Structure formats: structure tokens, C-alpha cells
Amino acid sequence: MTADTASAVGSLPIPETLAEVLTPGWLTSALRTRFPDVEVHDVTPGPVVSRVSCNARFRIEYTGAPDEELPRDLCVKGYFSDMGNGEASAAGLSEAMFYGSLAATTGVRTLRPVYAAVDPATRASIVITEDVEARGGSFLDPLSTYTPDQVAESLEQFATLHAATWMSPAVADAPWLASSLPHLLRSRGLPEIQGNFEGPIGAGVPTAVRDGRRLVDAYTVVAEEAVTASPWTVMHGDAHVGNLFLDGEGRPCLVDWQLVQRGPWYIDVGYHIASTMPADVRRGVERDLLRHYLDRLAAGGVDRPDEDEARRLITRGIVHGFYLWAITLRVAPPITTELLTRLGTAAEDHEVLSAATR
């Protein structure tokens, strides 16, 4: 499959409702894009989580495909609710393209897709993957306890992704991987940041960096740099612990690829290190964790970035994460509060609002 066109993923019309997806007829048609002889005979719906996107677990009974290649326990992610219409629905396009055309070639641990589709006209999308919970896996959230050893493991996955796509001609011109950081400045900004900083959600943000205007200015610099950065790679884009799951062996895996895009490696790394641990833990291990990432990147065939320069660059990733959570509105307040506290403290520790604009 190629990475530059919507033909890399399925071409069936995207269903408007979850009920239509969970029918033997539609699933048979979808899965035949990969398993030509499959016939789905029965579908058993499971739990549904519906927010902006809708995530539904289900089980199928089928014939005509190898059991080891097509799991019977599956999960579908689509945008079927009122909240998931319009611009929110379009957020799934890059994720569907990633699963349909790039995930398998990177070697990164993530959900195993069996079907992905994008409607180029409406930008609607749908992804069907294995159900990792049925296989003993578990999804994390931003408040999950996450140890430095686990951070090292997930940084290895970012290094795998980055090394596999480092300045890759195969994705250099893919429009679905265009940098979206400047768009974030247009969609929300100072009013949302000030609302969070001045309310209880921003109470843990250090006074020295609780300045919406300076954060917008710093993020403007980071976003502009990301568009023209060289070297570039494919980056995850939203590298907090809530976008990880542990597989049945307890290994960290990356998930939620709505912000996947071309950009500099340090965005993922700085954001991940700053957001996954409380400040007192992070301060004691961040240099070792960065060194571990750089070693794994080099093991993937990339010239190892200079360590002193890398320490400077990952502050851009802290700005990115800090800005994302400062403009966040529709997430449970304890989650936004914790991540703003972690990222704000890292921003103060590294003086990132000043450093980004120097």
C-alpha cells in the first residue's frame, strides 16, 4: 500500500451509524478488502464508549479467513455522534490513513488494524482493529501511574517510529501528514488558555509560566519551526500517557494517532518525558531518558543527535504539550489539571517560554 492517497485504505462508503457497522453484511464487505473469502455470520456487540469519537468493542463469527490473521474480538472507532460530526470527524482522517497505509511498515507497537477507510469528500473515517482488552491488554489514562522504566520503553517506540520514517521519501509529500501545529493556533488560543489559567484547572501551573500571551508567542515559534524542520520524521503528535496501552505482556504501545504528522523528533520526546511523570520523579531521570531515546534512535540507523543540542530542542516539545493542554476544554478537569501542572512545572524548570523565542 502507498502512503500518499486515500486508495491506501478501504473505499466502502462510511456508515452513518454504529448499528450499520455492526452488521454481518457490512463487515463482510469491509473485511473482504483484506480477506477476500471471509464471510461474517454473526456479530455480538460489546461495550461502547462515545465521546467525540465512538469506540465500540464487538465479536464476530466468520469463515474464510485464518484465525491467526483475523481476530474474532474487534474494536471499531468512528465518528457517529453529534459531537463527532464536522471538523471533529475530520480529525480521524490522519489516524485512519496511518493505520491503513503506514502502521505496519514502521515496526511500532500499536493496535493491529484489519480495516481502515477514509471518505475524501467528507473526510469521514473509520478504523477497525483488534480488541487488545480481549487479549489481556489495558488502556492507560493521563492519571495512570507510569514509571521511569515504562517511560524508557515507550521512548523506544517513539524512536522506532522516528527512525523508520526519518526523512523518508515515501511520506515526504503525503498531504495527510502535513504539519497541523499552525492550525492549532487558529482553532483555539488566548481566551481558552486564560480561562484555564485563571480557574481551578490552572491552579498548579507555576506563576512564572501562567501567562497565556507568552505561551501563544512561544508556541507560534515552535509551530513555525515544525513546518520547515529538517531533519523531519513522522511524529505521533500527542505523546501523553493517556495515548498508550499495555499489551497482554505489559509492554507500552502507542495509540490515538489523530495528530500524526511530519515534524521534528523532539516534539514527541519532550512532551512525553514532561507529561508522563510527576515533576519530582521527572527531574531525577529526564537526562537519562533522553540519552536512552537517542541511543535507540541511533540503533535504528539515524545519526545520533548531539546530546547538548537535544536537551535544548526537547524544550520545544514541552511547549507543544503545555499549549495543547492549556487550550483543552472538553476533558475531565482532574486530567487537565494534572497535565497542566506537570507540563507547566517542566516549562518553568527549563524556562521554555523564554527559550522558544530566543
Protein backbone atom coordinates (compact mmCIF):
# COMPACT_ATOMS: atom_id res chain seq x y z
CA MET A 1 0.00 0.00 0.00
CA THR A 2 1.12 3.54 -0.64
CA ALA A 3 1.12 6.35 1.87
CA ASP A 4 0.07 9.28 -0.30
CA THR A 5 -3.51 8.63 -1.42
CA ALA A 6 -6.82 7.63 0.10
CA SER A 7 -6.72 4.49 -2.07
CA ALA A 8 -4.30 3.13 0.52
CA VAL A 9 -7.34 2.42 2.69
CA GLY A 10 -10.77 0.95 2.10
CA SER A 11 -13.17 2.54 -0.37
CA LEU A 12 -16.55 1.45 1.00
CA PRO A 13 -18.95 4.26 1.95
CA ILE A 14 -18.51 5.21 5.60
CA PRO A 15 -21.62 4.16 7.58
CA GLU A 16 -23.51 6.96 9.31
CA THR A 17 -24.41 4.85 12.34
CA LEU A 18 -22.70 2.32 14.55
CA ALA A 19 -25.63 -0.04 14.07
CA GLU A 20 -24.87 -0.24 10.34
CA VAL A 21 -21.24 -1.07 11.03
CA LEU A 22 -22.13 -3.93 13.35
CA THR A 23 -23.94 -5.99 10.73
CA PRO A 24 -22.67 -9.18 9.09
CA GLY A 25 -23.22 -7.72 5.63
CA TRP A 26 -21.22 -4.52 6.04
CA LEU A 27 -18.42 -6.19 7.98
CA THR A 28 -18.13 -8.92 5.36
CA SER A 29 -17.74 -6.28 2.62
CA ALA A 30 -15.20 -4.32 4.66
CA LEU A 31 -13.08 -7.27 5.71
CA ARG A 32 -13.02 -8.68 2.17
CA THR A 33 -10.72 -5.81 1.19
CA ARG A 34 -8.08 -7.75 3.09
CA PHE A 35 -9.56 -11.25 3.39
CA PRO A 36 -11.25 -11.97 0.01
CA ASP A 37 -13.03 -15.15 1.09
CA VAL A 38 -14.25 -14.07 4.52
CA GLU A 39 -17.94 -14.36 5.42
CA VAL A 40 -19.15 -12.84 8.68
CA HIS A 41 -22.07 -14.87 10.03
CA ASP A 42 -22.79 -13.23 13.36
CA VAL A 43 -21.89 -10.07 15.30
CA THR A 44 -22.09 -9.73 19.09
CA PRO A 45 -21.93 -6.08 20.21
CA GLY A 46 -19.90 -5.23 23.31
CA PRO A 47 -19.18 -2.11 25.39
CA VAL A 48 -19.36 1.31 23.70
CA VAL A 49 -17.52 4.48 24.73
CA SER A 50 -18.89 7.52 22.92
CA ARG A 51 -17.35 10.96 23.28
CA VAL A 52 -16.11 12.91 20.27
CA SER A 53 -15.26 9.61 18.64
CA CYS A 54 -17.17 6.40 19.21
CA ASN A 55 -15.23 3.28 20.25
CA ALA A 56 -17.17 0.02 20.24
CA ARG A 57 -15.97 -3.47 21.02
CA PHE A 58 -17.61 -6.45 19.34
CA ARG A 59 -17.08 -10.10 18.45
CA ILE A 60 -17.59 -11.76 15.08
CA GLU A 61 -18.12 -15.33 13.98
CA TYR A 62 -16.81 -15.95 10.48
CA THR A 63 -15.40 -18.40 7.97
CA GLY A 64 -12.94 -17.96 5.14
CA ALA A 65 -10.01 -16.28 6.88
CA PRO A 66 -7.11 -17.54 9.04
CA ASP A 67 -7.78 -17.23 12.78
CA GLU A 68 -4.23 -16.04 13.39
CA GLU A 69 -4.69 -13.10 10.97
CA LEU A 70 -8.26 -12.04 11.72
CA PRO A 71 -9.11 -11.77 15.42
CA ARG A 72 -12.68 -12.58 16.39
CA ASP A 73 -12.65 -9.84 19.02
CA LEU A 74 -12.50 -6.44 17.34
CA CYS A 75 -12.98 -2.74 18.05
CA VAL A 76 -14.31 -0.06 15.73
CA LYS A 77 -13.50 3.65 16.01
CA GLY A 78 -15.65 6.13 14.11
CA TYR A 79 -17.44 9.45 14.41
CA PHE A 80 -21.15 8.68 14.64
CA SER A 81 -22.42 11.02 17.39
CA ASP A 82 -23.44 14.67 17.07
CA MET A 83 -20.17 15.60 18.81
CA GLY A 84 -18.27 13.64 16.20
CA ASN A 85 -19.69 15.43 13.17
CA GLY A 86 -17.99 18.10 11.06
CA GLU A 87 -14.47 19.20 11.99
CA ALA A 88 -14.25 16.65 14.80
CA SER A 89 -14.93 13.85 12.33
CA ALA A 90 -12.14 15.07 10.07
CA ALA A 91 -9.71 14.63 12.97
CA GLY A 92 -9.84 10.89 12.36
CA LEU A 93 -8.61 11.12 8.77
CA SER A 94 -4.89 11.08 9.58
CA GLU A 95 -5.38 8.27 12.06
CA ALA A 96 -7.21 6.12 9.51
CA MET A 97 -4.54 6.84 6.91
CA PHE A 98 -1.82 5.91 9.39
CA TYR A 99 -3.44 2.58 10.22
CA GLY A 100 -4.29 1.85 6.62
CA SER A 101 -1.00 2.74 4.97
CA LEU A 102 1.86 3.22 7.40
CA ALA A 103 1.50 1.45 10.75
CA ALA A 104 2.66 -1.95 9.55
CA THR A 105 5.81 -0.59 7.89
CA THR A 106 7.15 1.32 10.89
CA GLY A 107 7.50 -1.59 13.31
CA VAL A 108 5.94 0.48 16.10
CA ARG A 109 3.75 -1.36 18.61
CA THR A 110 0.20 -0.15 18.15
CA LEU A 111 -3.28 -1.53 17.53
CA ARG A 112 -3.35 -4.14 14.75
CA PRO A 113 -5.77 -2.87 12.08
CA VAL A 114 -7.95 -5.11 9.92
CA TYR A 115 -9.78 -2.32 8.08
CA ALA A 116 -9.44 1.45 7.69
CA ALA A 117 -11.33 3.78 5.38
CA VAL A 118 -11.50 7.49 4.54
CA ASP A 119 -14.10 9.36 2.51
CA PRO A 120 -12.07 12.01 0.63
CA ALA A 121 -15.18 14.14 0.04
CA THR A 122 -16.47 14.36 3.60
CA ARG A 123 -13.18 13.49 5.39
CA ALA A 124 -15.13 10.94 7.46
CA SER A 125 -13.13 7.92 8.61
CA ILE A 126 -13.43 4.54 10.27
CA VAL A 127 -10.87 2.11 11.70
CA ILE A 128 -11.38 -1.50 12.82
CA THR A 129 -8.63 -3.06 14.92
CA GLU A 130 -8.02 -5.99 17.18
CA ASP A 131 -9.59 -5.72 20.65
CA VAL A 132 -6.50 -5.62 22.85
CA GLU A 133 -8.53 -5.83 26.06
CA ALA A 134 -9.86 -9.22 24.97
CA ARG A 135 -6.21 -10.29 24.69
CA GLY A 136 -5.29 -9.14 28.18
CA GLY A 137 -4.23 -5.60 27.33
CA SER A 138 -5.28 -2.45 29.14
CA PHE A 139 -5.60 1.19 28.14
CA LEU A 140 -3.98 3.90 30.25
CA ASP A 141 -5.24 7.37 31.01
CA PRO A 142 -3.35 10.58 31.82
CA LEU A 143 -3.64 9.86 35.56
CA SER A 144 -2.23 6.31 35.31
CA THR A 145 0.88 5.63 37.35
CA TYR A 146 3.74 5.33 34.89
CA THR A 147 7.28 4.52 35.99
CA PRO A 148 10.57 5.79 34.55
CA ASP A 149 11.29 2.27 33.27
CA GLN A 150 7.99 2.33 31.40
CA VAL A 151 8.79 5.78 30.01
CA ALA A 152 12.06 4.34 28.70
CA GLU A 153 10.10 1.56 26.97
CA SER A 154 7.65 3.94 25.34
CA LEU A 155 10.50 6.21 24.25
CA GLU A 156 11.87 3.15 22.44
CA GLN A 157 8.60 3.01 20.48
CA PHE A 158 8.88 6.67 19.55
CA ALA A 159 12.47 6.01 18.44
CA THR A 160 11.24 3.08 16.32
CA LEU A 161 8.61 5.28 14.65
CA HIS A 162 11.03 8.14 14.10
CA ALA A 163 13.88 6.02 12.74
CA ALA A 164 11.60 4.14 10.34
CA THR A 165 10.28 7.37 8.80
CA TRP A 166 13.33 9.63 9.15
CA MET A 167 13.35 11.90 6.06
CA SER A 168 11.55 9.11 4.20
CA PRO A 169 10.73 9.88 0.54
CA ALA A 170 7.71 7.56 0.83
CA VAL A 171 5.89 10.04 3.06
CA ALA A 172 7.60 13.31 2.16
CA ASP A 173 4.67 14.58 0.10
CA ALA A 174 1.73 12.81 1.76
CA PRO A 175 -0.83 15.59 2.33
CA TRP A 176 -2.40 13.83 5.31
CA LEU A 177 0.93 14.15 7.13
CA ALA A 178 1.24 17.91 6.68
CA SER A 179 2.09 19.73 9.91
CA SER A 180 -1.04 20.63 11.88
CA LEU A 181 0.66 22.72 14.57
CA PRO A 182 -0.16 26.07 12.93
CA HIS A 183 -3.82 25.00 12.70
CA LEU A 184 -3.89 24.60 16.48
CA LEU A 185 -3.09 28.30 16.80
CA ARG A 186 -6.08 29.16 14.61
CA SER A 187 -8.59 26.83 16.23
CA ARG A 188 -8.11 27.95 19.84
CA GLY A 189 -5.78 30.26 21.70
CA LEU A 190 -5.52 33.01 24.26
CA PRO A 191 -9.16 33.07 25.52
CA GLU A 192 -9.14 29.34 26.27
CA ILE A 193 -5.69 29.48 27.85
CA GLN A 194 -6.59 32.40 30.09
CA GLY A 195 -9.81 30.67 31.11
CA ASN A 196 -7.88 27.62 32.22
CA PHE A 197 -5.04 29.54 33.85
CA GLU A 198 -7.37 31.80 35.83
CA GLY A 199 -9.61 28.97 37.07
CA PRO A 200 -9.05 25.97 39.35
CA ILE A 201 -7.77 23.85 36.45
CA GLY A 202 -4.67 26.04 36.20
CA ALA A 203 -4.01 26.30 39.93
CA GLY A 204 -0.95 24.04 39.76
CA VAL A 205 0.72 25.96 36.93
CA PRO A 206 3.68 27.91 38.34
CA THR A 207 3.14 31.66 38.39
CA ALA A 208 6.22 32.27 36.25
CA VAL A 209 4.66 30.47 33.26
CA ARG A 210 0.96 31.16 33.90
CA ASP A 211 0.97 33.72 31.11
CA GLY A 212 -1.26 33.00 28.13
CA ARG A 213 0.25 35.65 25.87
CA ARG A 214 3.79 34.36 26.35
CA LEU A 215 2.65 30.77 25.78
CA VAL A 216 0.94 31.71 22.50
CA ASP A 217 4.07 33.58 21.39
CA ALA A 218 6.31 30.62 22.27
CA TYR A 219 4.01 28.15 20.54
CA THR A 220 3.91 30.31 17.42
CA VAL A 221 7.68 29.92 17.15
CA VAL A 222 7.50 26.15 17.77
CA ALA A 223 4.73 25.70 15.19
CA GLU A 224 6.57 27.69 12.53
CA GLU A 225 9.76 25.71 13.13
CA ALA A 226 7.88 22.40 12.88
CA VAL A 227 6.60 23.17 9.39
CA THR A 228 10.09 23.62 7.94
CA ALA A 229 12.11 21.44 10.33
CA SER A 230 14.95 19.39 8.92
CA PRO A 231 15.62 16.63 9.63
CA TRP A 232 11.97 15.65 9.98
CA THR A 233 10.23 12.39 10.74
CA VAL A 234 6.70 11.13 11.27
CA MET A 235 5.76 12.10 14.80
CA HIS A 236 2.83 10.94 16.92
CA GLY A 237 1.99 14.49 17.94
CA ASP A 238 0.10 13.88 21.22
CA ALA A 239 2.54 11.91 23.31
CA HIS A 240 0.97 11.83 26.80
CA VAL A 241 0.46 8.65 28.81
CA GLY A 242 -3.26 8.55 28.04
CA ASN A 243 -2.37 7.72 24.45
CA LEU A 244 -0.71 4.46 25.43
CA PHE A 245 -1.93 0.97 26.19
CA LEU A 246 -0.20 -2.01 27.73
CA ASP A 247 -0.44 -5.19 25.67
CA GLY A 248 -1.03 -8.63 27.14
CA GLU A 249 2.68 -8.82 28.00
CA GLY A 250 2.60 -5.48 29.80
CA ARG A 251 4.55 -3.65 27.09
CA PRO A 252 3.73 0.00 26.29
CA CYS A 253 2.18 0.56 22.87
CA LEU A 254 1.20 3.79 21.10
CA VAL A 255 -2.43 4.59 20.27
CA ASP A 256 -4.64 7.55 19.19
CA TRP A 257 -2.99 8.89 16.04
CA GLN A 258 -5.22 11.90 15.31
CA LEU A 259 -2.24 14.29 15.43
CA VAL A 260 0.22 12.12 13.45
CA GLN A 261 2.20 14.36 11.09
CA ARG A 262 5.61 15.18 9.68
CA GLY A 263 7.69 17.12 12.16
CA PRO A 264 10.80 17.16 14.33
CA TRP A 265 11.54 14.22 16.61
CA TYR A 266 11.93 16.38 19.70
CA ILE A 267 8.23 17.32 19.86
CA ASP A 268 7.23 13.79 20.86
CA VAL A 269 10.19 13.26 23.17
CA GLY A 270 9.97 16.50 25.15
CA TYR A 271 6.20 16.24 25.51
CA HIS A 272 6.36 12.59 26.57
CA ILE A 273 9.03 12.97 29.23
CA ALA A 274 7.43 16.10 30.71
CA SER A 275 3.86 14.75 30.85
CA THR A 276 4.18 11.14 31.96
CA MET A 277 5.59 11.61 35.47
CA PRO A 278 5.18 13.97 38.43
CA ALA A 279 7.80 16.70 38.47
CA ASP A 280 9.82 15.29 41.38
CA VAL A 281 10.24 11.99 39.54
CA ARG A 282 10.84 13.54 36.14
CA ARG A 283 13.62 15.82 37.36
CA GLY A 284 15.72 12.89 38.52
CA VAL A 285 15.54 10.86 35.31
CA GLU A 286 14.93 13.15 32.35
CA ARG A 287 18.55 13.30 31.20
CA ASP A 288 18.93 9.53 31.35
CA LEU A 289 15.65 9.08 29.48
CA LEU A 290 16.70 11.45 26.73
CA ARG A 291 20.03 9.64 26.43
CA HIS A 292 18.16 6.32 26.17
CA TYR A 293 15.96 7.66 23.37
CA LEU A 294 18.99 8.98 21.46
CA ASP A 295 20.71 5.61 21.79
CA ARG A 296 17.64 3.79 20.43
CA LEU A 297 17.32 6.28 17.58
CA ALA A 298 20.94 5.63 16.65
CA ALA A 299 20.32 1.87 16.84
CA GLY A 300 17.61 2.43 14.22
CA GLY A 301 20.18 3.79 11.77
CA VAL A 302 19.86 7.54 12.42
CA ASP A 303 22.91 9.70 13.08
CA ARG A 304 22.73 10.37 16.81
CA PRO A 305 21.80 14.00 17.53
CA ASP A 306 24.20 15.91 19.74
CA GLU A 307 23.10 15.45 23.34
CA ASP A 308 23.52 19.05 24.45
CA GLU A 309 21.58 20.27 21.43
CA ALA A 310 18.94 17.59 22.05
CA ARG A 311 18.42 18.87 25.60
CA ARG A 312 17.75 22.31 24.16
CA LEU A 313 15.42 21.05 21.46
CA ILE A 314 13.16 18.94 23.63
CA THR A 315 12.02 22.12 25.35
CA ARG A 316 10.03 22.69 22.13
CA GLY A 317 8.14 19.50 22.92
CA ILE A 318 7.34 20.83 26.39
CA VAL A 319 5.88 23.98 24.82
CA HIS A 320 3.79 21.83 22.47
CA GLY A 321 2.32 19.71 25.25
CA PHE A 322 1.78 22.71 27.51
CA TYR A 323 -0.10 24.55 24.76
CA LEU A 324 -2.26 21.53 23.87
CA TRP A 325 -3.46 21.14 27.43
CA ALA A 326 -3.79 24.87 28.03
CA ILE A 327 -6.35 25.08 25.19
CA THR A 328 -8.17 21.89 26.24
CA LEU A 329 -11.81 22.33 27.20
CA ARG A 330 -13.75 19.06 26.97
CA VAL A 331 -11.71 16.73 29.19
CA ALA A 332 -12.34 15.77 32.82
CA PRO A 333 -10.90 18.60 34.99
CA PRO A 334 -8.65 16.34 37.12
CA ILE A 335 -6.86 15.18 33.96
CA THR A 336 -6.36 18.68 32.55
CA THR A 337 -5.26 19.94 35.97
CA GLU A 338 -2.63 17.21 36.40
CA LEU A 339 -1.17 17.56 32.92
CA LEU A 340 -1.09 21.35 33.09
CA THR A 341 0.70 21.06 36.43
CA ARG A 342 3.28 18.61 35.08
CA LEU A 343 3.89 20.45 31.82
CA GLY A 344 3.78 23.88 33.44
CA THR A 345 6.35 22.81 36.01
CA ALA A 346 8.59 21.44 33.27
CA ALA A 347 8.12 24.72 31.39
CA GLU A 348 9.29 26.64 34.45
CA ASP A 349 12.20 24.25 35.11
CA HIS A 350 13.51 24.70 31.57
CA GLU A 351 12.45 28.34 31.09
CA VAL A 352 10.78 27.28 27.85
CA LEU A 353 8.67 30.38 27.26
CA SER A 354 11.82 32.44 27.04
CA ALA A 355 13.94 29.79 25.33
CA ALA A 356 11.47 29.20 22.48
CA THR A 357 11.53 32.82 21.44
CA ARG A 358 15.28 33.32 21.66
